[in-house]
Amino acid sequence: RSYLVPLALLVYLIGISIYAYPGRMPNITWTQYGLTIGITLVCIVILY
């Protein structure tokens, strides 16, 4: 489980980050985009 859950969350994060790319969604700024991805990556690493 220590490999499977973080891997699944990482795949989900990649999918969502592609979907919510700031060029496609004008309401999202680059700062919000970067901070959200960064904080989520830190949470995934801690969970691992």
ModelCIF file with pLDDT and N, C-alpha, C, O atoms, coordinates in Angstrom:
data_MODEL
#
_entry.id   MODEL 
#
_entity.id                         1 
_entity.type                       polymer 
_entity.pdbx_number_of_molecules   1 
#
_entity_poly.entity_id                      1 
_entity_poly.type                           'polypeptide(L)' 
_entity_poly.nstd_linkage                   no 
_entity_poly.nstd_monomer                   no 
_entity_poly.pdbx_seq_one_letter_code       RSYLVPLALLVYLIGISIYAYPGRMPNITWTQYGLTIGITLVCIVILY 
_entity_poly.pdbx_seq_one_letter_code_can   RSYLVPLALLVYLIGISIYAYPGRMPNITWTQYGLTIGITLVCIVILY 
_entity_poly.pdbx_strand_id                 A 
#
loop_
_entity_poly_seq.entity_id 
_entity_poly_seq.num 
_entity_poly_seq.mon_id 
_entity_poly_seq.hetero 
1 1  ARG n 
1 2  SER n 
1 3  TYR n 
1 4  LEU n 
1 5  VAL n 
1 6  PRO n 
1 7  LEU n 
1 8  ALA n 
1 9  LEU n 
1 10 LEU n 
1 11 VAL n 
1 12 TYR n 
1 13 LEU n 
1 14 ILE n 
1 15 GLY n 
1 16 ILE n 
1 17 SER n 
1 18 ILE n 
1 19 TYR n 
1 20 ALA n 
1 21 TYR n 
1 22 PRO n 
1 23 GLY n 
1 24 ARG n 
1 25 MET n 
1 26 PRO n 
1 27 ASN n 
1 28 ILE n 
1 29 THR n 
1 30 TRP n 
1 31 THR n 
1 32 GLN n 
1 33 TYR n 
1 34 GLY n 
1 35 LEU n 
1 36 THR n 
1 37 ILE n 
1 38 GLY n 
1 39 ILE n 
1 40 THR n 
1 41 LEU n 
1 42 VAL n 
1 43 CYS n 
1 44 ILE n 
1 45 VAL n 
1 46 ILE n 
1 47 LEU n 
1 48 TYR n 
#
_struct_asym.id          A 
_struct_asym.entity_id   1 
#
loop_
_ma_qa_metric.id 
_ma_qa_metric.mode 
_ma_qa_metric.name 
_ma_qa_metric.software_group_id 
_ma_qa_metric.type 
1 global pLDDT . pLDDT 
2 local  pLDDT . pLDDT 
#
_ma_qa_metric_global.metric_id      1 
_ma_qa_metric_global.metric_value   89.96 
_ma_qa_metric_global.model_id       1 
_ma_qa_metric_global.ordinal_id     1 
#
loop_
_ma_qa_metric_local.label_asym_id 
_ma_qa_metric_local.label_comp_id 
_ma_qa_metric_local.label_seq_id 
_ma_qa_metric_local.metric_id 
_ma_qa_metric_local.metric_value 
_ma_qa_metric_local.model_id 
_ma_qa_metric_local.ordinal_id 
A ARG 1  2 75.00 1 1  
A SER 2  2 81.00 1 2  
A TYR 3  2 87.00 1 3  
A LEU 4  2 92.00 1 4  
A VAL 5  2 93.00 1 5  
A PRO 6  2 94.00 1 6  
A LEU 7  2 95.00 1 7  
A ALA 8  2 95.00 1 8  
A LEU 9  2 95.00 1 9  
A LEU 10 2 96.00 1 10 
A VAL 11 2 96.00 1 11 
A TYR 12 2 95.00 1 12 
A LEU 13 2 95.00 1 13 
A ILE 14 2 94.00 1 14 
A GLY 15 2 94.00 1 15 
A ILE 16 2 91.00 1 16 
A SER 17 2 90.00 1 17 
A ILE 18 2 89.00 1 18 
A TYR 19 2 87.00 1 19 
A ALA 20 2 83.00 1 20 
A TYR 21 2 82.00 1 21 
A PRO 22 2 77.00 1 22 
A GLY 23 2 77.00 1 23 
A ARG 24 2 79.00 1 24 
A MET 25 2 75.00 1 25 
A PRO 26 2 79.00 1 26 
A ASN 27 2 83.00 1 27 
A ILE 28 2 81.00 1 28 
A THR 29 2 85.00 1 29 
A TRP 30 2 87.00 1 30 
A THR 31 2 90.00 1 31 
A GLN 32 2 88.00 1 32 
A TYR 33 2 89.00 1 33 
A GLY 34 2 92.00 1 34 
A LEU 35 2 94.00 1 35 
A THR 36 2 92.00 1 36 
A ILE 37 2 94.00 1 37 
A GLY 38 2 96.00 1 38 
A ILE 39 2 97.00 1 39 
A THR 40 2 96.00 1 40 
A LEU 41 2 97.00 1 41 
A VAL 42 2 97.00 1 42 
A CYS 43 2 97.00 1 43 
A ILE 44 2 96.00 1 44 
A VAL 45 2 96.00 1 45 
A ILE 46 2 96.00 1 46 
A LEU 47 2 95.00 1 47 
A TYR 48 2 94.00 1 48 
#
loop_
_atom_site.group_PDB 
_atom_site.id 
_atom_site.type_symbol 
_atom_site.label_atom_id 
_atom_site.label_alt_id 
_atom_site.label_comp_id 
_atom_site.label_asym_id 
_atom_site.label_entity_id 
_atom_site.label_seq_id 
_atom_site.pdbx_PDB_ins_code 
_atom_site.Cartn_x 
_atom_site.Cartn_y 
_atom_site.Cartn_z 
_atom_site.occupancy 
_atom_site.B_iso_or_equiv 
_atom_site.pdbx_formal_charge 
_atom_site.auth_seq_id 
_atom_site.auth_comp_id 
_atom_site.auth_asym_id 
_atom_site.auth_atom_id 
_atom_site.pdbx_PDB_model_num 
ATOM 1   N N  . ARG A 1 1  ? 0.814  -1.201 0.000   1.00 75.00 ? 1  ARG A N  1 
ATOM 2   C CA . ARG A 1 1  ? 0.000  0.000  0.000   1.00 75.00 ? 1  ARG A CA 1 
ATOM 3   C C  . ARG A 1 1  ? 0.856  1.262  0.000   1.00 75.00 ? 1  ARG A C  1 
ATOM 4   O O  . ARG A 1 1  ? 0.442  2.294  -0.528  1.00 75.00 ? 1  ARG A O  1 
ATOM 5   N N  . SER A 1 2  ? 2.057  1.183  0.595   1.00 81.00 ? 2  SER A N  1 
ATOM 6   C CA . SER A 1 2  ? 2.908  2.368  0.662   1.00 81.00 ? 2  SER A CA 1 
ATOM 7   C C  . SER A 1 2  ? 3.376  2.803  -0.726  1.00 81.00 ? 2  SER A C  1 
ATOM 8   O O  . SER A 1 2  ? 3.800  3.946  -0.898  1.00 81.00 ? 2  SER A O  1 
ATOM 9   N N  . TYR A 1 3  ? 3.310  1.923  -1.707  1.00 87.00 ? 3  TYR A N  1 
ATOM 10  C CA . TYR A 1 3  ? 3.644  2.287  -3.078  1.00 87.00 ? 3  TYR A CA 1 
ATOM 11  C C  . TYR A 1 3  ? 2.411  2.581  -3.907  1.00 87.00 ? 3  TYR A C  1 
ATOM 12  O O  . TYR A 1 3  ? 2.411  3.497  -4.730  1.00 87.00 ? 3  TYR A O  1 
ATOM 13  N N  . LEU A 1 4  ? 1.372  1.815  -3.696  1.00 92.00 ? 4  LEU A N  1 
ATOM 14  C CA . LEU A 1 4  ? 0.191  1.886  -4.548  1.00 92.00 ? 4  LEU A CA 1 
ATOM 15  C C  . LEU A 1 4  ? -0.594 3.185  -4.362  1.00 92.00 ? 4  LEU A C  1 
ATOM 16  O O  . LEU A 1 4  ? -0.960 3.825  -5.348  1.00 92.00 ? 4  LEU A O  1 
ATOM 17  N N  . VAL A 1 5  ? -0.854 3.577  -3.134  1.00 93.00 ? 5  VAL A N  1 
ATOM 18  C CA . VAL A 1 5  ? -1.670 4.772  -2.879  1.00 93.00 ? 5  VAL A CA 1 
ATOM 19  C C  . VAL A 1 5  ? -0.971 6.040  -3.367  1.00 93.00 ? 5  VAL A C  1 
ATOM 20  O O  . VAL A 1 5  ? -1.595 6.819  -4.088  1.00 93.00 ? 5  VAL A O  1 
ATOM 21  N N  . PRO A 1 6  ? 0.304  6.289  -3.008  1.00 94.00 ? 6  PRO A N  1 
ATOM 22  C CA . PRO A 1 6  ? 0.955  7.495  -3.533  1.00 94.00 ? 6  PRO A CA 1 
ATOM 23  C C  . PRO A 1 6  ? 1.082  7.491  -5.063  1.00 94.00 ? 6  PRO A C  1 
ATOM 24  O O  . PRO A 1 6  ? 0.981  8.541  -5.697  1.00 94.00 ? 6  PRO A O  1 
ATOM 25  N N  . LEU A 1 7  ? 1.301  6.320  -5.647  1.00 95.00 ? 7  LEU A N  1 
ATOM 26  C CA . LEU A 1 7  ? 1.393  6.242  -7.102  1.00 95.00 ? 7  LEU A CA 1 
ATOM 27  C C  . LEU A 1 7  ? 0.057  6.604  -7.750  1.00 95.00 ? 7  LEU A C  1 
ATOM 28  O O  . LEU A 1 7  ? 0.024  7.328  -8.745  1.00 95.00 ? 7  LEU A O  1 
ATOM 29  N N  . ALA A 1 8  ? -1.035 6.107  -7.190  1.00 95.00 ? 8  ALA A N  1 
ATOM 30  C CA . ALA A 1 8  ? -2.362 6.435  -7.712  1.00 95.00 ? 8  ALA A CA 1 
ATOM 31  C C  . ALA A 1 8  ? -2.643 7.930  -7.562  1.00 95.00 ? 8  ALA A C  1 
ATOM 32  O O  . ALA A 1 8  ? -3.200 8.550  -8.468  1.00 95.00 ? 8  ALA A O  1 
ATOM 33  N N  . LEU A 1 9  ? -2.262 8.506  -6.433  1.00 95.00 ? 9  LEU A N  1 
ATOM 34  C CA . LEU A 1 9  ? -2.460 9.938  -6.234  1.00 95.00 ? 9  LEU A CA 1 
ATOM 35  C C  . LEU A 1 9  ? -1.593 10.763 -7.174  1.00 95.00 ? 9  LEU A C  1 
ATOM 36  O O  . LEU A 1 9  ? -2.018 11.821 -7.638  1.00 95.00 ? 9  LEU A O  1 
ATOM 37  N N  . LEU A 1 10 ? -0.391 10.296 -7.461  1.00 96.00 ? 10 LEU A N  1 
ATOM 38  C CA . LEU A 1 10 ? 0.482  10.997 -8.390  1.00 96.00 ? 10 LEU A CA 1 
ATOM 39  C C  . LEU A 1 10 ? -0.088 10.976 -9.809  1.00 96.00 ? 10 LEU A C  1 
ATOM 40  O O  . LEU A 1 10 ? -0.044 11.986 -10.512 1.00 96.00 ? 10 LEU A O  1 
ATOM 41  N N  . VAL A 1 11 ? -0.614 9.845  -10.225 1.00 96.00 ? 11 VAL A N  1 
ATOM 42  C CA . VAL A 1 11 ? -1.252 9.759  -11.544 1.00 96.00 ? 11 VAL A CA 1 
ATOM 43  C C  . VAL A 1 11 ? -2.466 10.690 -11.595 1.00 96.00 ? 11 VAL A C  1 
ATOM 44  O O  . VAL A 1 11 ? -2.689 11.370 -12.597 1.00 96.00 ? 11 VAL A O  1 
ATOM 45  N N  . TYR A 1 12 ? -3.240 10.716 -10.526 1.00 95.00 ? 12 TYR A N  1 
ATOM 46  C CA . TYR A 1 12 ? -4.395 11.612 -10.451 1.00 95.00 ? 12 TYR A CA 1 
ATOM 47  C C  . TYR A 1 12 ? -3.951 13.070 -10.532 1.00 95.00 ? 12 TYR A C  1 
ATOM 48  O O  . TYR A 1 12 ? -4.570 13.869 -11.234 1.00 95.00 ? 12 TYR A O  1 
ATOM 49  N N  . LEU A 1 13 ? -2.876 13.421 -9.812  1.00 95.00 ? 13 LEU A N  1 
ATOM 50  C CA . LEU A 1 13 ? -2.361 14.791 -9.834  1.00 95.00 ? 13 LEU A CA 1 
ATOM 51  C C  . LEU A 1 13 ? -1.917 15.184 -11.240 1.00 95.00 ? 13 LEU A C  1 
ATOM 52  O O  . LEU A 1 13 ? -2.178 16.303 -11.682 1.00 95.00 ? 13 LEU A O  1 
ATOM 53  N N  . ILE A 1 14 ? -1.255 14.281 -11.936 1.00 94.00 ? 14 ILE A N  1 
ATOM 54  C CA . ILE A 1 14 ? -0.818 14.578 -13.298 1.00 94.00 ? 14 ILE A CA 1 
ATOM 55  C C  . ILE A 1 14 ? -2.026 14.831 -14.200 1.00 94.00 ? 14 ILE A C  1 
ATOM 56  O O  . ILE A 1 14 ? -2.030 15.772 -14.994 1.00 94.00 ? 14 ILE A O  1 
ATOM 57  N N  . GLY A 1 15 ? -3.032 14.000 -14.074 1.00 94.00 ? 15 GLY A N  1 
ATOM 58  C CA . GLY A 1 15 ? -4.242 14.188 -14.878 1.00 94.00 ? 15 GLY A CA 1 
ATOM 59  C C  . GLY A 1 15 ? -4.938 15.502 -14.589 1.00 94.00 ? 15 GLY A C  1 
ATOM 60  O O  . GLY A 1 15 ? -5.338 16.213 -15.511 1.00 94.00 ? 15 GLY A O  1 
ATOM 61  N N  . ILE A 1 16 ? -5.081 15.824 -13.335 1.00 91.00 ? 16 ILE A N  1 
ATOM 62  C CA . ILE A 1 16 ? -5.749 17.076 -12.956 1.00 91.00 ? 16 ILE A CA 1 
ATOM 63  C C  . ILE A 1 16 ? -4.913 18.285 -13.353 1.00 91.00 ? 16 ILE A C  1 
ATOM 64  O O  . ILE A 1 16 ? -5.461 19.306 -13.767 1.00 91.00 ? 16 ILE A O  1 
ATOM 65  N N  . SER A 1 17 ? -3.587 18.181 -13.231 1.00 90.00 ? 17 SER A N  1 
ATOM 66  C CA . SER A 1 17 ? -2.745 19.324 -13.594 1.00 90.00 ? 17 SER A CA 1 
ATOM 67  C C  . SER A 1 17 ? -2.785 19.585 -15.095 1.00 90.00 ? 17 SER A C  1 
ATOM 68  O O  . SER A 1 17 ? -2.692 20.733 -15.529 1.00 90.00 ? 17 SER A O  1 
ATOM 69  N N  . ILE A 1 18 ? -2.922 18.526 -15.889 1.00 89.00 ? 18 ILE A N  1 
ATOM 70  C CA . ILE A 1 18 ? -3.073 18.717 -17.339 1.00 89.00 ? 18 ILE A CA 1 
ATOM 71  C C  . ILE A 1 18 ? -4.432 19.341 -17.643 1.00 89.00 ? 18 ILE A C  1 
ATOM 72  O O  . ILE A 1 18 ? -4.537 20.235 -18.482 1.00 89.00 ? 18 ILE A O  1 
ATOM 73  N N  . TYR A 1 19 ? -5.461 18.868 -16.963 1.00 87.00 ? 19 TYR A N  1 
ATOM 74  C CA . TYR A 1 19 ? -6.808 19.387 -17.192 1.00 87.00 ? 19 TYR A CA 1 
ATOM 75  C C  . TYR A 1 19 ? -6.934 20.852 -16.765 1.00 87.00 ? 19 TYR A C  1 
ATOM 76  O O  . TYR A 1 19 ? -7.574 21.644 -17.456 1.00 87.00 ? 19 TYR A O  1 
ATOM 77  N N  . ALA A 1 20 ? -6.332 21.211 -15.643 1.00 83.00 ? 20 ALA A N  1 
ATOM 78  C CA . ALA A 1 20 ? -6.489 22.558 -15.082 1.00 83.00 ? 20 ALA A CA 1 
ATOM 79  C C  . ALA A 1 20 ? -5.349 23.484 -15.481 1.00 83.00 ? 20 ALA A C  1 
ATOM 80  O O  . ALA A 1 20 ? -5.081 24.461 -14.782 1.00 83.00 ? 20 ALA A O  1 
ATOM 81  N N  . TYR A 1 21 ? -4.678 23.203 -16.578 1.00 82.00 ? 21 TYR A N  1 
ATOM 82  C CA . TYR A 1 21 ? -3.574 24.037 -17.050 1.00 82.00 ? 21 TYR A CA 1 
ATOM 83  C C  . TYR A 1 21 ? -4.061 25.479 -17.209 1.00 82.00 ? 21 TYR A C  1 
ATOM 84  O O  . TYR A 1 21 ? -5.118 25.708 -17.797 1.00 82.00 ? 21 TYR A O  1 
ATOM 85  N N  . PRO A 1 22 ? -3.304 26.453 -16.695 1.00 77.00 ? 22 PRO A N  1 
ATOM 86  C CA . PRO A 1 22 ? -3.767 27.849 -16.739 1.00 77.00 ? 22 PRO A CA 1 
ATOM 87  C C  . PRO A 1 22 ? -4.093 28.378 -18.129 1.00 77.00 ? 22 PRO A C  1 
ATOM 88  O O  . PRO A 1 22 ? -4.906 29.293 -18.252 1.00 77.00 ? 22 PRO A O  1 
ATOM 89  N N  . GLY A 1 23 ? -3.495 27.841 -19.163 1.00 77.00 ? 23 GLY A N  1 
ATOM 90  C CA . GLY A 1 23 ? -3.827 28.279 -20.518 1.00 77.00 ? 23 GLY A CA 1 
ATOM 91  C C  . GLY A 1 23 ? -5.229 27.877 -20.929 1.00 77.00 ? 23 GLY A C  1 
ATOM 92  O O  . GLY A 1 23 ? -5.858 28.544 -21.751 1.00 77.00 ? 23 GLY A O  1 
ATOM 93  N N  . ARG A 1 24 ? -5.716 26.793 -20.363 1.00 79.00 ? 24 ARG A N  1 
ATOM 94  C CA . ARG A 1 24 ? -7.059 26.300 -20.692 1.00 79.00 ? 24 ARG A CA 1 
ATOM 95  C C  . ARG A 1 24 ? -8.124 26.913 -19.808 1.00 79.00 ? 24 ARG A C  1 
ATOM 96  O O  . ARG A 1 24 ? -9.268 27.076 -20.231 1.00 79.00 ? 24 ARG A O  1 
ATOM 97  N N  . MET A 1 25 ? -7.757 27.254 -18.582 1.00 75.00 ? 25 MET A N  1 
ATOM 98  C CA . MET A 1 25 ? -8.725 27.801 -17.632 1.00 75.00 ? 25 MET A CA 1 
ATOM 99  C C  . MET A 1 25 ? -8.269 29.201 -17.231 1.00 75.00 ? 25 MET A C  1 
ATOM 100 O O  . MET A 1 25 ? -7.324 29.332 -16.454 1.00 75.00 ? 25 MET A O  1 
ATOM 101 N N  . PRO A 1 26 ? -8.908 30.236 -17.733 1.00 79.00 ? 26 PRO A N  1 
ATOM 102 C CA . PRO A 1 26 ? -8.438 31.607 -17.488 1.00 79.00 ? 26 PRO A CA 1 
ATOM 103 C C  . PRO A 1 26 ? -8.593 32.086 -16.041 1.00 79.00 ? 26 PRO A C  1 
ATOM 104 O O  . PRO A 1 26 ? -7.990 33.094 -15.670 1.00 79.00 ? 26 PRO A O  1 
ATOM 105 N N  . ASN A 1 27 ? -9.374 31.401 -15.225 1.00 83.00 ? 27 ASN A N  1 
ATOM 106 C CA . ASN A 1 27 ? -9.566 31.838 -13.841 1.00 83.00 ? 27 ASN A CA 1 
ATOM 107 C C  . ASN A 1 27 ? -8.412 31.440 -12.928 1.00 83.00 ? 27 ASN A C  1 
ATOM 108 O O  . ASN A 1 27 ? -8.332 31.917 -11.796 1.00 83.00 ? 27 ASN A O  1 
ATOM 109 N N  . ILE A 1 28 ? -7.519 30.577 -13.398 1.00 81.00 ? 28 ILE A N  1 
ATOM 110 C CA . ILE A 1 28 ? -6.415 30.081 -12.576 1.00 81.00 ? 28 ILE A CA 1 
ATOM 111 C C  . ILE A 1 28 ? -5.136 30.821 -12.954 1.00 81.00 ? 28 ILE A C  1 
ATOM 112 O O  . ILE A 1 28 ? -4.786 30.908 -14.131 1.00 81.00 ? 28 ILE A O  1 
ATOM 113 N N  . THR A 1 29 ? -4.441 31.356 -11.949 1.00 85.00 ? 29 THR A N  1 
ATOM 114 C CA . THR A 1 29 ? -3.166 32.021 -12.202 1.00 85.00 ? 29 THR A CA 1 
ATOM 115 C C  . THR A 1 29 ? -2.035 31.010 -12.085 1.00 85.00 ? 29 THR A C  1 
ATOM 116 O O  . THR A 1 29 ? -2.211 29.920 -11.541 1.00 85.00 ? 29 THR A O  1 
ATOM 117 N N  . TRP A 1 30 ? -0.872 31.388 -12.605 1.00 87.00 ? 30 TRP A N  1 
ATOM 118 C CA . TRP A 1 30 ? 0.289  30.497 -12.543 1.00 87.00 ? 30 TRP A CA 1 
ATOM 119 C C  . TRP A 1 30 ? 0.712  30.260 -11.103 1.00 87.00 ? 30 TRP A C  1 
ATOM 120 O O  . TRP A 1 30 ? 1.194  29.176 -10.773 1.00 87.00 ? 30 TRP A O  1 
ATOM 121 N N  . THR A 1 31 ? 0.540  31.255 -10.240 1.00 90.00 ? 31 THR A N  1 
ATOM 122 C CA . THR A 1 31 ? 0.900  31.097 -8.828  1.00 90.00 ? 31 THR A CA 1 
ATOM 123 C C  . THR A 1 31 ? 0.007  30.055 -8.165  1.00 90.00 ? 31 THR A C  1 
ATOM 124 O O  . THR A 1 31 ? 0.502  29.169 -7.468  1.00 90.00 ? 31 THR A O  1 
ATOM 125 N N  . GLN A 1 32 ? -1.281 30.152 -8.371  1.00 88.00 ? 32 GLN A N  1 
ATOM 126 C CA . GLN A 1 32 ? -2.212 29.172 -7.811  1.00 88.00 ? 32 GLN A CA 1 
ATOM 127 C C  . GLN A 1 32 ? -1.907 27.778 -8.340  1.00 88.00 ? 32 GLN A C  1 
ATOM 128 O O  . GLN A 1 32 ? -1.931 26.803 -7.589  1.00 88.00 ? 32 GLN A O  1 
ATOM 129 N N  . TYR A 1 33 ? -1.625 27.688 -9.610  1.00 89.00 ? 33 TYR A N  1 
ATOM 130 C CA . TYR A 1 33 ? -1.336 26.405 -10.258 1.00 89.00 ? 33 TYR A CA 1 
ATOM 131 C C  . TYR A 1 33 ? -0.084 25.770 -9.660  1.00 89.00 ? 33 TYR A C  1 
ATOM 132 O O  . TYR A 1 33 ? -0.090 24.597 -9.287  1.00 89.00 ? 33 TYR A O  1 
ATOM 133 N N  . GLY A 1 34 ? 0.985  26.553 -9.572  1.00 92.00 ? 34 GLY A N  1 
ATOM 134 C CA . GLY A 1 34 ? 2.240  26.037 -9.034  1.00 92.00 ? 34 GLY A CA 1 
ATOM 135 C C  . GLY A 1 34 ? 2.152  25.671 -7.570  1.00 92.00 ? 34 GLY A C  1 
ATOM 136 O O  . GLY A 1 34 ? 2.657  24.626 -7.160  1.00 92.00 ? 34 GLY A O  1 
ATOM 137 N N  . LEU A 1 35 ? 1.513  26.522 -6.772  1.00 94.00 ? 35 LEU A N  1 
ATOM 138 C CA . LEU A 1 35 ? 1.374  26.236 -5.346  1.00 94.00 ? 35 LEU A CA 1 
ATOM 139 C C  . LEU A 1 35 ? 0.520  24.997 -5.101  1.00 94.00 ? 35 LEU A C  1 
ATOM 140 O O  . LEU A 1 35 ? 0.837  24.183 -4.234  1.00 94.00 ? 35 LEU A O  1 
ATOM 141 N N  . THR A 1 36 ? -0.537 24.858 -5.848  1.00 92.00 ? 36 THR A N  1 
ATOM 142 C CA . THR A 1 36 ? -1.403 23.695 -5.677  1.00 92.00 ? 36 THR A CA 1 
ATOM 143 C C  . THR A 1 36 ? -0.663 22.405 -6.004  1.00 92.00 ? 36 THR A C  1 
ATOM 144 O O  . THR A 1 36 ? -0.746 21.430 -5.258  1.00 92.00 ? 36 THR A O  1 
ATOM 145 N N  . ILE A 1 37 ? 0.057  22.402 -7.116  1.00 94.00 ? 37 ILE A N  1 
ATOM 146 C CA . ILE A 1 37 ? 0.818  21.205 -7.493  1.00 94.00 ? 37 ILE A CA 1 
ATOM 147 C C  . ILE A 1 37 ? 1.922  20.935 -6.478  1.00 94.00 ? 37 ILE A C  1 
ATOM 148 O O  . ILE A 1 37 ? 2.130  19.787 -6.085  1.00 94.00 ? 37 ILE A O  1 
ATOM 149 N N  . GLY A 1 38 ? 2.633  21.976 -6.049  1.00 96.00 ? 38 GLY A N  1 
ATOM 150 C CA . GLY A 1 38 ? 3.721  21.805 -5.090  1.00 96.00 ? 38 GLY A CA 1 
ATOM 151 C C  . GLY A 1 38 ? 3.245  21.264 -3.748  1.00 96.00 ? 38 GLY A C  1 
ATOM 152 O O  . GLY A 1 38 ? 3.839  20.332 -3.206  1.00 96.00 ? 38 GLY A O  1 
ATOM 153 N N  . ILE A 1 39 ? 2.184  21.841 -3.216  1.00 97.00 ? 39 ILE A N  1 
ATOM 154 C CA . ILE A 1 39 ? 1.654  21.400 -1.928  1.00 97.00 ? 39 ILE A CA 1 
ATOM 155 C C  . ILE A 1 39 ? 1.137  19.968 -2.026  1.00 97.00 ? 39 ILE A C  1 
ATOM 156 O O  . ILE A 1 39 ? 1.327  19.170 -1.108  1.00 97.00 ? 39 ILE A O  1 
ATOM 157 N N  . THR A 1 40 ? 0.490  19.648 -3.133  1.00 96.00 ? 40 THR A N  1 
ATOM 158 C CA . THR A 1 40 ? -0.016 18.290 -3.317  1.00 96.00 ? 40 THR A CA 1 
ATOM 159 C C  . THR A 1 40 ? 1.134  17.280 -3.409  1.00 96.00 ? 40 THR A C  1 
ATOM 160 O O  . THR A 1 40 ? 1.040  16.183 -2.859  1.00 96.00 ? 40 THR A O  1 
ATOM 161 N N  . LEU A 1 41 ? 2.211  17.644 -4.099  1.00 97.00 ? 41 LEU A N  1 
ATOM 162 C CA . LEU A 1 41 ? 3.372  16.758 -4.183  1.00 97.00 ? 41 LEU A CA 1 
ATOM 163 C C  . LEU A 1 41 ? 3.995  16.528 -2.810  1.00 97.00 ? 41 LEU A C  1 
ATOM 164 O O  . LEU A 1 41 ? 4.387  15.407 -2.484  1.00 97.00 ? 41 LEU A O  1 
ATOM 165 N N  . VAL A 1 42 ? 4.086  17.579 -2.011  1.00 97.00 ? 42 VAL A N  1 
ATOM 166 C CA . VAL A 1 42 ? 4.621  17.437 -0.658  1.00 97.00 ? 42 VAL A CA 1 
ATOM 167 C C  . VAL A 1 42 ? 3.738  16.500 0.163   1.00 97.00 ? 42 VAL A C  1 
ATOM 168 O O  . VAL A 1 42 ? 4.249  15.656 0.898   1.00 97.00 ? 42 VAL A O  1 
ATOM 169 N N  . CYS A 1 43 ? 2.437  16.641 0.045   1.00 97.00 ? 43 CYS A N  1 
ATOM 170 C CA . CYS A 1 43 ? 1.520  15.758 0.772   1.00 97.00 ? 43 CYS A CA 1 
ATOM 171 C C  . CYS A 1 43 ? 1.661  14.306 0.322   1.00 97.00 ? 43 CYS A C  1 
ATOM 172 O O  . CYS A 1 43 ? 1.598  13.395 1.148   1.00 97.00 ? 43 CYS A O  1 
ATOM 173 N N  . ILE A 1 44 ? 1.851  14.083 -0.971  1.00 96.00 ? 44 ILE A N  1 
ATOM 174 C CA . ILE A 1 44 ? 2.018  12.723 -1.476  1.00 96.00 ? 44 ILE A CA 1 
ATOM 175 C C  . ILE A 1 44 ? 3.310  12.110 -0.949  1.00 96.00 ? 44 ILE A C  1 
ATOM 176 O O  . ILE A 1 44 ? 3.334  10.935 -0.581  1.00 96.00 ? 44 ILE A O  1 
ATOM 177 N N  . VAL A 1 45 ? 4.382  12.893 -0.911  1.00 96.00 ? 45 VAL A N  1 
ATOM 178 C CA . VAL A 1 45 ? 5.662  12.390 -0.395  1.00 96.00 ? 45 VAL A CA 1 
ATOM 179 C C  . VAL A 1 45 ? 5.553  12.069 1.092   1.00 96.00 ? 45 VAL A C  1 
ATOM 180 O O  . VAL A 1 45 ? 6.046  11.033 1.538   1.00 96.00 ? 45 VAL A O  1 
ATOM 181 N N  . ILE A 1 46 ? 4.918  12.939 1.856   1.00 96.00 ? 46 ILE A N  1 
ATOM 182 C CA . ILE A 1 46 ? 4.728  12.687 3.290   1.00 96.00 ? 46 ILE A CA 1 
ATOM 183 C C  . ILE A 1 46 ? 3.892  11.421 3.494   1.00 96.00 ? 46 ILE A C  1 
ATOM 184 O O  . ILE A 1 46 ? 4.212  10.592 4.346   1.00 96.00 ? 46 ILE A O  1 
ATOM 185 N N  . LEU A 1 47 ? 2.835  11.277 2.719   1.00 95.00 ? 47 LEU A N  1 
ATOM 186 C CA . LEU A 1 47 ? 1.996  10.085 2.808   1.00 95.00 ? 47 LEU A CA 1 
ATOM 187 C C  . LEU A 1 47 ? 2.794  8.827  2.501   1.00 95.00 ? 47 LEU A C  1 
ATOM 188 O O  . LEU A 1 47 ? 2.628  7.808  3.170   1.00 95.00 ? 47 LEU A O  1 
ATOM 189 N N  . TYR A 1 48 ? 3.651  8.890  1.503   1.00 94.00 ? 48 TYR A N  1 
ATOM 190 C CA . TYR A 1 48 ? 4.481  7.738  1.152   1.00 94.00 ? 48 TYR A CA 1 
ATOM 191 C C  . TYR A 1 48 ? 5.343  7.312  2.335   1.00 94.00 ? 48 TYR A C  1 
ATOM 192 O O  . TYR A 1 48 ? 6.110  6.355  2.227   1.00 94.00 ? 48 TYR A O  1 
#
